[in-house]
Amino acid sequence: MLGVLACLGPLDAMAAGPPRQQFTAPAPGSYRLETIQPAADGEVLDAEGTAGPLRRYTTGKVTLLSFMYTYCVDPVGCPLVFDTFSTLRTRLLANPALARRVRLVSLSFDPGNDTPAALRHYAGNLAAPTSALRWHFLTTRNVARLRPIVDAFGQDVTVTLDAQGRPTRLYNHLVKVFLIDARGQVREIYTTAYLMPDVIYNDIRTLLMEGGRQGGGPHG
């Protein structure tokens, strides 16, 4: 992901994604997703500027989480992830009972630029609290708060420094999307080659089929 310094809105980003690969996903529940690692925790800010633990957004529901920049224009970076999330959101909202058991989370790599106000502008109606499927757009107070979260997820990055040697943002990341179960355990990690909505949708359904009912978490 190049992280170029240009502004791109969600609708433009969605149009920038490359054509989807052709692949027949296995049926939901016909396979098991193994536990990979616990989801990271740490303090985050929501789009209203309210601080809270990341675990509020990674437990209680099946969660699809990615890191992002609001201004990324690399067609195989953040716009591809946005396109994938949007496709899954539309598909899940067609079944509200299913949608209420799932959430989407986009966490910024650049707390300096992607402030809560910037996230509100970027997200628009996608972050509506009345939606059956919540899409949370999050940031952190600074890179020092963000770096331990990124490291715990195993997301490879470099740190960009200002003229005084102070960290400003995380940069040059490889796309990774994390599928997290309701207990806060990472069950799948998707890279660009495997970021296919049909596959992810069936993986979500597979997790929801485990153990029957999984209720909503404290933050929705």
Protein backbone atom coordinates (compact mmCIF):
# COMPACT_ATOMS: atom_id res chain seq x y z
CA MET A 1 0.00 0.00 0.00
CA LEU A 2 1.56 3.26 -1.12
CA GLY A 3 -0.21 5.68 1.18
CA VAL A 4 0.02 8.54 -1.29
CA LEU A 5 -1.00 11.95 -0.03
CA ALA A 6 -4.20 12.48 -2.00
CA CYS A 7 -7.78 12.60 -0.87
CA LEU A 8 -10.23 9.93 -1.98
CA GLY A 9 -13.80 9.59 -0.80
CA PRO A 10 -15.53 6.26 -0.16
CA LEU A 11 -17.50 6.22 -3.42
CA ASP A 12 -14.42 6.99 -5.51
CA ALA A 13 -12.46 4.38 -3.57
CA MET A 14 -15.09 1.77 -4.26
CA ALA A 15 -14.84 2.40 -8.00
CA ALA A 16 -11.06 2.07 -7.93
CA GLY A 17 -10.91 -1.62 -6.99
CA PRO A 18 -9.68 -4.17 -9.54
CA PRO A 19 -11.94 -6.88 -11.03
CA ARG A 20 -12.86 -9.71 -8.68
CA GLN A 21 -11.18 -13.11 -8.99
CA GLN A 22 -13.32 -16.08 -9.93
CA PHE A 23 -13.44 -18.60 -7.11
CA THR A 24 -16.07 -20.97 -5.74
CA ALA A 25 -16.13 -20.58 -1.97
CA PRO A 26 -16.83 -23.70 0.13
CA ALA A 27 -20.24 -23.86 1.77
CA PRO A 28 -20.62 -22.20 5.20
CA GLY A 29 -20.19 -24.70 8.02
CA SER A 30 -18.47 -27.30 5.82
CA TYR A 31 -15.07 -26.40 7.29
CA ARG A 32 -13.51 -24.96 10.44
CA LEU A 33 -11.47 -21.81 10.87
CA GLU A 34 -8.69 -22.38 13.39
CA THR A 35 -7.84 -19.83 16.09
CA ILE A 36 -4.80 -17.82 15.05
CA GLN A 37 -4.24 -15.28 17.84
CA PRO A 38 -6.11 -12.95 20.19
CA ALA A 39 -7.21 -9.65 18.71
CA ALA A 40 -5.12 -6.74 19.92
CA ASP A 41 -6.39 -4.25 22.47
CA GLY A 42 -5.56 -0.65 23.31
CA GLU A 43 -7.20 2.75 23.55
CA VAL A 44 -8.97 4.01 20.41
CA LEU A 45 -11.14 7.00 19.54
CA ASP A 46 -14.42 6.69 17.69
CA ALA A 47 -15.62 9.19 15.08
CA GLU A 48 -17.15 11.32 17.84
CA GLY A 49 -13.82 11.51 19.68
CA THR A 50 -14.91 9.22 22.52
CA ALA A 51 -12.08 7.09 23.92
CA GLY A 52 -12.51 3.42 24.75
CA PRO A 53 -10.81 0.03 24.52
CA LEU A 54 -10.49 -1.61 21.12
CA ARG A 55 -11.91 -4.82 22.61
CA ARG A 56 -15.27 -3.03 22.70
CA TYR A 57 -15.22 -3.35 18.91
CA THR A 58 -13.75 -6.86 18.63
CA THR A 59 -15.89 -8.93 21.02
CA GLY A 60 -19.54 -9.88 21.21
CA LYS A 61 -20.00 -10.07 17.43
CA VAL A 62 -18.12 -11.46 14.47
CA THR A 63 -15.88 -8.59 13.39
CA LEU A 64 -14.07 -7.77 10.17
CA LEU A 65 -11.25 -5.31 10.90
CA SER A 66 -8.78 -3.52 8.69
CA PHE A 67 -6.27 -0.70 9.00
CA MET A 68 -6.61 2.19 6.56
CA TYR A 69 -5.89 5.76 5.49
CA THR A 70 -8.80 7.99 4.50
CA TYR A 71 -6.70 9.42 1.65
CA CYS A 72 -5.24 6.25 0.13
CA VAL A 73 -5.57 5.89 -3.67
CA ASP A 74 -3.64 2.66 -4.29
CA PRO A 75 -6.20 0.44 -6.11
CA VAL A 76 -4.89 -2.69 -4.40
CA GLY A 77 -4.69 -1.01 -0.99
CA CYS A 78 -7.37 0.72 1.07
CA PRO A 79 -9.82 1.22 -1.84
CA LEU A 80 -9.86 -2.55 -2.44
CA VAL A 81 -10.58 -3.16 1.24
CA PHE A 82 -13.29 -0.50 1.21
CA ASP A 83 -14.88 -2.09 -1.84
CA THR A 84 -14.82 -5.50 -0.15
CA PHE A 85 -16.35 -4.16 3.08
CA SER A 86 -19.04 -2.31 1.12
CA THR A 87 -19.96 -5.41 -0.86
CA LEU A 88 -20.19 -7.50 2.32
CA ARG A 89 -22.20 -4.79 4.07
CA THR A 90 -24.80 -4.76 1.30
CA ARG A 91 -25.03 -8.53 1.26
CA LEU A 92 -25.33 -8.85 5.04
CA LEU A 93 -27.92 -6.07 5.31
CA ALA A 94 -30.17 -8.11 3.04
CA ASN A 95 -30.61 -10.35 6.10
CA PRO A 96 -30.96 -7.99 9.12
CA ALA A 97 -30.98 -10.84 11.64
CA LEU A 98 -27.59 -11.89 10.31
CA ALA A 99 -26.30 -8.33 9.98
CA ARG A 100 -26.93 -7.59 13.66
CA ARG A 101 -24.42 -10.29 14.61
CA VAL A 102 -21.60 -8.77 12.55
CA ARG A 103 -19.65 -5.50 12.62
CA LEU A 104 -17.07 -3.81 10.41
CA VAL A 105 -14.14 -1.83 11.84
CA SER A 106 -11.78 0.51 9.97
CA LEU A 107 -8.87 1.74 12.10
CA SER A 108 -6.62 4.51 10.76
CA PHE A 109 -2.86 4.22 10.42
CA ASP A 110 -2.54 8.01 10.58
CA PRO A 111 -3.96 9.58 13.75
CA GLY A 112 -2.46 12.95 12.85
CA ASN A 113 -4.49 13.32 9.67
CA ASP A 114 -7.38 10.93 10.32
CA THR A 115 -8.89 12.73 13.28
CA PRO A 116 -12.40 11.90 14.52
CA ALA A 117 -13.73 14.82 12.44
CA ALA A 118 -11.96 13.50 9.32
CA LEU A 119 -13.39 10.05 9.94
CA ARG A 120 -16.92 11.45 10.29
CA HIS A 121 -16.55 13.19 6.95
CA TYR A 122 -15.08 10.09 5.29
CA ALA A 123 -17.64 7.64 6.69
CA GLY A 124 -20.79 9.66 6.11
CA ASN A 125 -23.93 7.56 6.41
CA LEU A 126 -21.94 4.32 6.47
CA ALA A 127 -21.39 4.82 10.20
CA ALA A 128 -25.07 5.42 11.01
CA PRO A 129 -25.80 4.06 14.51
CA THR A 130 -29.26 2.94 13.43
CA SER A 131 -27.92 0.48 10.85
CA ALA A 132 -28.46 -3.22 11.54
CA LEU A 133 -24.78 -3.71 10.69
CA ARG A 134 -22.52 -1.17 12.41
CA TRP A 135 -19.41 0.07 10.62
CA HIS A 136 -17.07 1.75 13.09
CA PHE A 137 -14.38 4.17 11.91
CA LEU A 138 -11.68 4.50 14.57
CA THR A 139 -8.44 6.33 15.19
CA THR A 140 -6.05 6.84 18.12
CA ARG A 141 -4.66 9.84 19.98
CA ASN A 142 -1.21 9.41 18.45
CA VAL A 143 1.21 6.92 16.90
CA ALA A 144 2.49 5.91 20.34
CA ARG A 145 -1.00 4.61 21.21
CA LEU A 146 -1.45 2.99 17.79
CA ARG A 147 1.88 1.18 17.40
CA PRO A 148 1.30 -1.50 20.10
CA ILE A 149 -2.07 -2.34 18.52
CA VAL A 150 -0.55 -2.72 15.08
CA ASP A 151 2.35 -4.78 16.42
CA ALA A 152 0.03 -7.10 18.33
CA PHE A 153 -1.96 -7.80 15.16
CA GLY A 154 1.27 -8.55 13.29
CA GLN A 155 0.68 -5.80 10.74
CA ASP A 156 3.99 -4.89 9.08
CA VAL A 157 4.61 -1.12 8.91
CA THR A 158 7.30 1.52 9.04
CA VAL A 159 7.11 4.74 11.06
CA THR A 160 7.28 8.15 9.39
CA LEU A 161 9.10 10.80 11.46
CA ASP A 162 8.89 14.59 11.35
CA ALA A 163 11.89 16.96 11.23
CA GLN A 164 12.31 16.63 15.00
CA GLY A 165 12.35 12.83 14.84
CA ARG A 166 8.85 12.45 16.28
CA PRO A 167 6.59 9.71 14.88
CA THR A 168 3.76 11.06 12.73
CA ARG A 169 2.13 8.01 11.16
CA LEU A 170 2.58 4.38 10.17
CA TYR A 171 3.37 3.79 6.52
CA ASN A 172 4.00 1.27 3.73
CA HIS A 173 1.79 -1.46 5.10
CA LEU A 174 0.73 -4.65 3.36
CA VAL A 175 -3.01 -5.14 3.19
CA LYS A 176 -4.33 -7.45 5.87
CA VAL A 177 -7.95 -7.88 6.93
CA PHE A 178 -8.69 -9.70 10.19
CA LEU A 179 -11.75 -11.86 10.79
CA ILE A 180 -12.41 -11.99 14.54
CA ASP A 181 -14.92 -14.20 16.33
CA ALA A 182 -17.25 -13.06 19.09
CA ARG A 183 -14.72 -14.10 21.74
CA GLY A 184 -12.11 -11.71 20.32
CA GLN A 185 -10.00 -14.36 18.62
CA VAL A 186 -8.57 -13.85 15.12
CA ARG A 187 -9.76 -16.75 12.97
CA GLU A 188 -8.61 -15.68 9.51
CA ILE A 189 -6.28 -13.10 7.97
CA TYR A 190 -6.90 -12.07 4.38
CA THR A 191 -4.28 -10.53 2.11
CA THR A 192 -4.95 -8.94 -1.28
CA ALA A 193 -4.92 -12.29 -3.11
CA TYR A 194 -7.70 -13.70 -0.91
CA LEU A 195 -9.82 -10.60 -0.37
CA MET A 196 -12.91 -12.04 -2.07
CA PRO A 197 -16.38 -11.19 -0.72
CA ASP A 198 -17.83 -14.66 -1.35
CA VAL A 199 -15.05 -16.30 0.65
CA ILE A 200 -15.28 -13.83 3.53
CA TYR A 201 -19.08 -13.99 3.60
CA ASN A 202 -18.98 -17.77 3.94
CA ASP A 203 -16.28 -17.51 6.60
CA ILE A 204 -18.51 -15.11 8.55
CA ARG A 205 -21.44 -17.51 8.24
CA THR A 206 -19.20 -20.37 9.38
CA LEU A 207 -18.22 -18.51 12.56
CA LEU A 208 -21.85 -17.61 13.26
CA MET A 209 -22.80 -21.27 12.97
CA GLU A 210 -20.32 -22.25 15.69
CA GLY A 211 -22.02 -22.87 18.99
CA GLY A 212 -25.37 -21.56 17.80
CA ARG A 213 -26.36 -18.16 19.13
CA GLN A 214 -23.80 -15.36 19.53
CA GLY A 215 -25.27 -12.18 20.92
CA GLY A 216 -24.23 -8.57 20.42
CA GLY A 217 -21.44 -6.98 22.40
CA PRO A 218 -21.56 -3.94 24.66
CA HIS A 219 -20.96 -1.48 21.86
CA GLY A 220 -22.84 -2.96 18.91
